[in-house]
């Protein structure tokens, strides 16, 4: 794999990315919380796009992977801004956004701000509003008090040896980015892929988004037995089939 290229955003953040040229609409992968563009789904999608001669972009948000900044300084608004800068600067015309977990929320923010740049949206275990509903909403009184007092709180992680540090800025900024509290019009095809055994983003979240959003063509697919990673061969095959049907 070639070395990453770099984009400097209007906010001065340096965003690392990999891009493949090809026909449109291009596909843009938006990763999850504390993940990076070297993950299984991101690399799989680049291979998928290159095999079909389709344009493709994957990138790291600031504070993630190879991009500049400290993760603890970031928030949903920053990462959505990174995504909008990358899409606006590096791609042409409408794109198919593929958002995984937090990337599903980011892709919805991009779609709300730049609907003319979105040809379709695929959410993989999309996690809109998770800072409020899954984090703050699940904190006990002591955790909420610690966050307000100390500016951060540590949560155990199933994906790393060290705990997640959740900052007050992440929670407070997240309240400015919520998408499930007001009408959410998505004027393009939307596909939501969800594992039935996802314990990080439960099926109820997918159903809430499905019920809340308006779209001329919105479908939810449940993969029985799949977990939050959604990256085993069967799930990747379903993702490829979904995209093939969208971009014909």
Protein backbone atom coordinates (compact mmCIF):
# COMPACT_ATOMS: atom_id res chain seq x y z
CA UNK A 1 0.00 0.00 0.00
CA UNK A 2 1.34 3.43 -0.90
CA UNK A 3 2.06 6.06 1.74
CA UNK A 4 -0.77 8.28 2.88
CA UNK A 5 -1.28 11.70 1.39
CA UNK A 6 -2.13 14.72 3.54
CA UNK A 7 -4.69 17.51 3.45
CA UNK A 8 -4.57 20.63 5.61
CA UNK A 9 -8.08 21.71 6.57
CA UNK A 10 -9.25 25.32 6.97
CA UNK A 11 -8.86 24.79 10.73
CA UNK A 12 -5.19 23.87 10.32
CA UNK A 13 -5.60 20.17 11.01
CA UNK A 14 -3.57 17.75 8.88
CA UNK A 15 -5.71 14.88 7.61
CA UNK A 16 -4.04 11.71 6.29
CA UNK A 17 -5.85 9.91 3.49
CA UNK A 18 -5.66 7.27 0.77
CA UNK A 19 -7.48 7.84 -2.48
CA UNK A 20 -8.08 5.85 -5.65
CA UNK A 21 -9.14 7.46 -8.92
CA UNK A 22 -12.10 6.09 -10.84
CA UNK A 23 -15.61 6.68 -12.08
CA UNK A 24 -18.36 8.26 -10.05
CA UNK A 25 -20.20 8.34 -7.89
CA UNK A 26 -17.18 7.78 -5.68
CA UNK A 27 -17.30 6.00 -2.34
CA UNK A 28 -16.06 7.62 0.88
CA UNK A 29 -15.47 5.56 4.03
CA UNK A 30 -15.97 7.26 7.40
CA UNK A 31 -14.56 5.28 10.29
CA UNK A 32 -15.58 4.88 13.88
CA UNK A 33 -14.60 6.22 17.30
CA UNK A 34 -10.86 5.73 17.87
CA UNK A 35 -10.57 3.62 14.70
CA UNK A 36 -8.44 4.43 11.67
CA UNK A 37 -8.40 4.09 7.90
CA UNK A 38 -6.29 0.93 8.09
CA UNK A 39 -9.15 -1.17 9.44
CA UNK A 40 -10.63 -4.23 7.76
CA UNK A 41 -13.71 -2.53 6.30
CA UNK A 42 -11.80 0.48 4.99
CA UNK A 43 -9.18 -1.62 3.18
CA UNK A 44 -11.84 -4.03 1.91
CA UNK A 45 -13.79 -1.15 0.41
CA UNK A 46 -10.73 0.26 -1.33
CA UNK A 47 -10.12 -3.16 -2.91
CA UNK A 48 -13.80 -3.36 -3.86
CA UNK A 49 -13.66 0.09 -5.51
CA UNK A 50 -10.41 -0.54 -7.36
CA UNK A 51 -11.72 -3.83 -8.77
CA UNK A 52 -14.68 -1.92 -10.21
CA UNK A 53 -12.80 1.16 -11.35
CA UNK A 54 -14.70 3.36 -8.93
CA UNK A 55 -13.30 6.40 -7.13
CA UNK A 56 -12.65 5.84 -3.42
CA UNK A 57 -11.48 7.84 -0.41
CA UNK A 58 -10.63 6.79 3.15
CA UNK A 59 -9.07 9.09 5.74
CA UNK A 60 -8.27 9.53 9.41
CA UNK A 61 -10.06 12.16 11.46
CA UNK A 62 -7.81 14.49 13.45
CA UNK A 63 -6.50 12.73 16.53
CA UNK A 64 -6.94 9.36 14.82
CA UNK A 65 -4.44 7.16 12.98
CA UNK A 66 -1.92 9.13 10.93
CA UNK A 67 -3.64 12.51 11.14
CA UNK A 68 -2.47 15.38 13.34
CA UNK A 69 -3.73 16.19 16.80
CA UNK A 70 -4.49 14.48 20.09
CA UNK A 71 -7.60 12.32 20.26
CA UNK A 72 -8.54 13.80 23.63
CA UNK A 73 -8.72 17.28 22.12
CA UNK A 74 -11.26 16.25 19.49
CA UNK A 75 -15.03 16.08 19.34
CA UNK A 76 -17.83 15.16 16.95
CA UNK A 77 -17.95 18.65 15.44
CA UNK A 78 -14.22 18.60 14.70
CA UNK A 79 -14.40 15.18 13.06
CA UNK A 80 -17.45 16.10 11.02
CA UNK A 81 -15.57 19.19 9.88
CA UNK A 82 -12.62 17.01 8.88
CA UNK A 83 -14.96 14.82 6.83
CA UNK A 84 -16.57 17.79 5.11
CA UNK A 85 -13.17 19.26 4.27
CA UNK A 86 -11.94 15.96 2.84
CA UNK A 87 -15.08 15.40 0.76
CA UNK A 88 -15.30 19.01 -0.46
CA UNK A 89 -11.61 19.23 -1.38
CA UNK A 90 -10.69 15.75 -2.56
CA UNK A 91 -13.81 14.51 -4.36
CA UNK A 92 -15.97 15.71 -7.22
CA UNK A 93 -19.71 15.36 -7.49
CA UNK A 94 -22.05 13.33 -5.31
CA UNK A 95 -20.46 10.54 -3.25
CA UNK A 96 -21.70 7.36 -1.61
CA UNK A 97 -20.93 7.76 2.08
CA UNK A 98 -20.20 4.58 4.02
CA UNK A 99 -20.16 5.35 7.74
CA UNK A 100 -19.21 2.79 10.38
CA UNK A 101 -20.43 3.30 13.96
CA UNK A 102 -19.49 6.91 14.81
CA UNK A 103 -18.85 7.32 11.08
CA UNK A 104 -22.57 6.73 10.59
CA UNK A 105 -23.28 9.80 12.72
CA UNK A 106 -20.57 11.78 10.92
CA UNK A 107 -22.02 10.80 7.54
CA UNK A 108 -25.46 12.02 8.64
CA UNK A 109 -23.94 15.37 9.64
CA UNK A 110 -22.21 15.59 6.26
CA UNK A 111 -25.47 14.73 4.51
CA UNK A 112 -27.35 17.38 6.48
CA UNK A 113 -24.76 20.06 5.68
CA UNK A 114 -23.89 19.04 2.10
CA UNK A 115 -26.87 17.12 0.68
CA UNK A 116 -25.87 17.96 -2.88
CA UNK A 117 -22.62 16.03 -2.38
CA UNK A 118 -24.33 12.80 -1.30
CA UNK A 119 -25.51 10.21 -3.85
CA UNK A 120 -26.39 7.59 -1.22
CA UNK A 121 -25.57 6.68 2.37
CA UNK A 122 -24.70 3.33 3.90
CA UNK A 123 -24.61 3.07 7.68
CA UNK A 124 -22.82 0.12 9.26
CA UNK A 125 -23.96 -0.12 12.89
CA UNK A 126 -24.54 3.62 12.67
CA UNK A 127 -24.35 5.34 16.04
CA UNK A 128 -26.02 8.75 15.83
CA UNK A 129 -26.14 10.80 19.05
CA UNK A 130 -24.12 8.19 20.95
CA UNK A 131 -22.27 10.72 23.14
CA UNK A 132 -25.61 11.75 24.66
CA UNK A 133 -27.58 8.51 24.57
CA UNK A 134 -24.95 5.81 25.09
CA UNK A 135 -22.36 7.74 27.10
CA UNK A 136 -23.86 10.56 29.15
CA UNK A 137 -27.19 8.76 29.39
CA UNK A 138 -25.54 5.67 30.89
CA UNK A 139 -23.23 7.47 33.33
CA UNK A 140 -24.13 7.16 36.96
CA UNK A 141 -24.25 10.23 39.18
CA UNK A 142 -20.61 9.83 40.26
CA UNK A 143 -19.40 9.60 36.65
CA UNK A 144 -21.42 12.61 35.60
CA UNK A 145 -20.06 14.59 38.56
CA UNK A 146 -16.49 13.51 37.78
CA UNK A 147 -16.85 14.56 34.14
CA UNK A 148 -18.13 18.00 35.10
CA UNK A 149 -15.56 18.42 37.87
CA UNK A 150 -12.44 16.96 36.24
CA UNK A 151 -13.23 17.46 32.56
CA UNK A 152 -12.97 13.75 31.78
CA UNK A 153 -13.94 10.26 32.90
CA UNK A 154 -12.44 6.83 32.10
CA UNK A 155 -14.56 4.04 30.65
CA UNK A 156 -13.53 0.41 30.13
CA UNK A 157 -13.00 -0.66 26.52
CA UNK A 158 -13.70 -4.00 24.85
CA UNK A 159 -11.28 -3.09 22.06
CA UNK A 160 -8.13 -1.93 23.90
CA UNK A 161 -6.21 -2.66 27.10
CA UNK A 162 -6.46 0.94 28.21
CA UNK A 163 -9.79 2.59 29.07
CA UNK A 164 -11.47 5.18 26.88
CA UNK A 165 -11.06 8.68 28.24
CA UNK A 166 -14.28 10.60 27.62
CA UNK A 167 -13.93 14.35 27.81
CA UNK A 168 -16.42 16.99 28.83
CA UNK A 169 -15.81 18.70 25.48
CA UNK A 170 -16.82 15.53 23.61
CA UNK A 171 -20.09 15.32 25.53
CA UNK A 172 -20.95 19.01 25.36
CA UNK A 173 -20.07 19.39 21.68
CA UNK A 174 -22.04 16.24 20.92
CA UNK A 175 -25.19 18.03 22.09
CA UNK A 176 -24.69 20.54 19.28
CA UNK A 177 -24.47 17.74 16.70
CA UNK A 178 -27.54 15.63 17.55
CA UNK A 179 -29.52 14.34 14.55
CA UNK A 180 -32.34 12.35 16.17
CA UNK A 181 -34.03 15.26 17.95
CA UNK A 182 -35.21 17.18 14.88
CA UNK A 183 -36.43 16.19 11.40
CA UNK A 184 -33.75 14.38 9.40
CA UNK A 185 -34.42 14.47 5.68
CA UNK A 186 -32.12 12.29 3.57
CA UNK A 187 -33.11 12.90 -0.08
CA UNK A 188 -31.22 9.92 -1.50
CA UNK A 189 -31.07 6.13 -1.03
CA UNK A 190 -30.10 5.01 2.48
CA UNK A 191 -29.05 1.52 3.52
CA UNK A 192 -28.60 0.61 7.19
CA UNK A 193 -26.66 -2.59 7.95
CA UNK A 194 -26.86 -3.87 11.51
CA UNK A 195 -25.67 -6.95 13.37
CA UNK A 196 -28.24 -8.64 15.60
CA UNK A 197 -25.58 -9.37 18.25
CA UNK A 198 -24.11 -5.86 18.36
CA UNK A 199 -23.76 -4.97 22.04
CA UNK A 200 -22.09 -1.57 21.43
CA UNK A 201 -24.79 -0.16 19.15
CA UNK A 202 -27.92 -2.23 19.76
CA UNK A 203 -30.53 -2.99 17.12
CA UNK A 204 -32.80 -0.47 18.86
CA UNK A 205 -30.54 2.34 17.64
CA UNK A 206 -30.88 1.21 14.03
CA UNK A 207 -34.65 0.98 14.44
CA UNK A 208 -34.78 4.46 15.94
CA UNK A 209 -32.82 5.92 13.02
CA UNK A 210 -34.94 3.94 10.55
CA UNK A 211 -38.15 5.33 12.08
CA UNK A 212 -36.82 8.88 12.46
CA UNK A 213 -35.25 9.64 9.07
CA UNK A 214 -37.18 10.41 5.92
CA UNK A 215 -35.84 9.15 2.58
CA UNK A 216 -37.29 8.13 -0.78
CA UNK A 217 -35.55 4.76 -0.42
CA UNK A 218 -34.58 3.70 3.10
CA UNK A 219 -33.87 0.06 3.99
CA UNK A 220 -32.61 -1.66 7.12
CA UNK A 221 -30.89 -5.06 6.89
CA UNK A 222 -30.26 -7.14 10.02
CA UNK A 223 -27.43 -9.67 9.85
CA UNK A 224 -28.23 -12.43 12.33
CA UNK A 225 -25.31 -13.21 14.62
CA UNK A 226 -23.12 -10.30 13.47
CA UNK A 227 -21.42 -8.15 16.10
CA UNK A 228 -20.36 -4.51 16.11
CA UNK A 229 -17.22 -5.05 14.05
CA UNK A 230 -19.33 -6.24 11.09
CA UNK A 231 -16.15 -7.38 9.37
CA UNK A 232 -16.34 -11.16 8.99
CA UNK A 233 -16.48 -12.52 5.40
CA UNK A 234 -20.28 -12.75 5.40
CA UNK A 235 -20.70 -9.16 6.56
CA UNK A 236 -18.16 -7.85 4.06
CA UNK A 237 -19.95 -9.75 1.30
CA UNK A 238 -23.25 -8.14 2.34
CA UNK A 239 -21.57 -4.72 2.28
CA UNK A 240 -20.22 -5.33 -1.22
CA UNK A 241 -23.62 -6.53 -2.46
CA UNK A 242 -25.26 -3.45 -0.96
CA UNK A 243 -22.86 -1.11 -2.71
CA UNK A 244 -23.04 -2.98 -6.00
CA UNK A 245 -26.80 -2.53 -6.01
CA UNK A 246 -26.55 1.16 -5.14
CA UNK A 247 -24.02 2.19 -7.80
CA UNK A 248 -25.22 0.20 -10.82
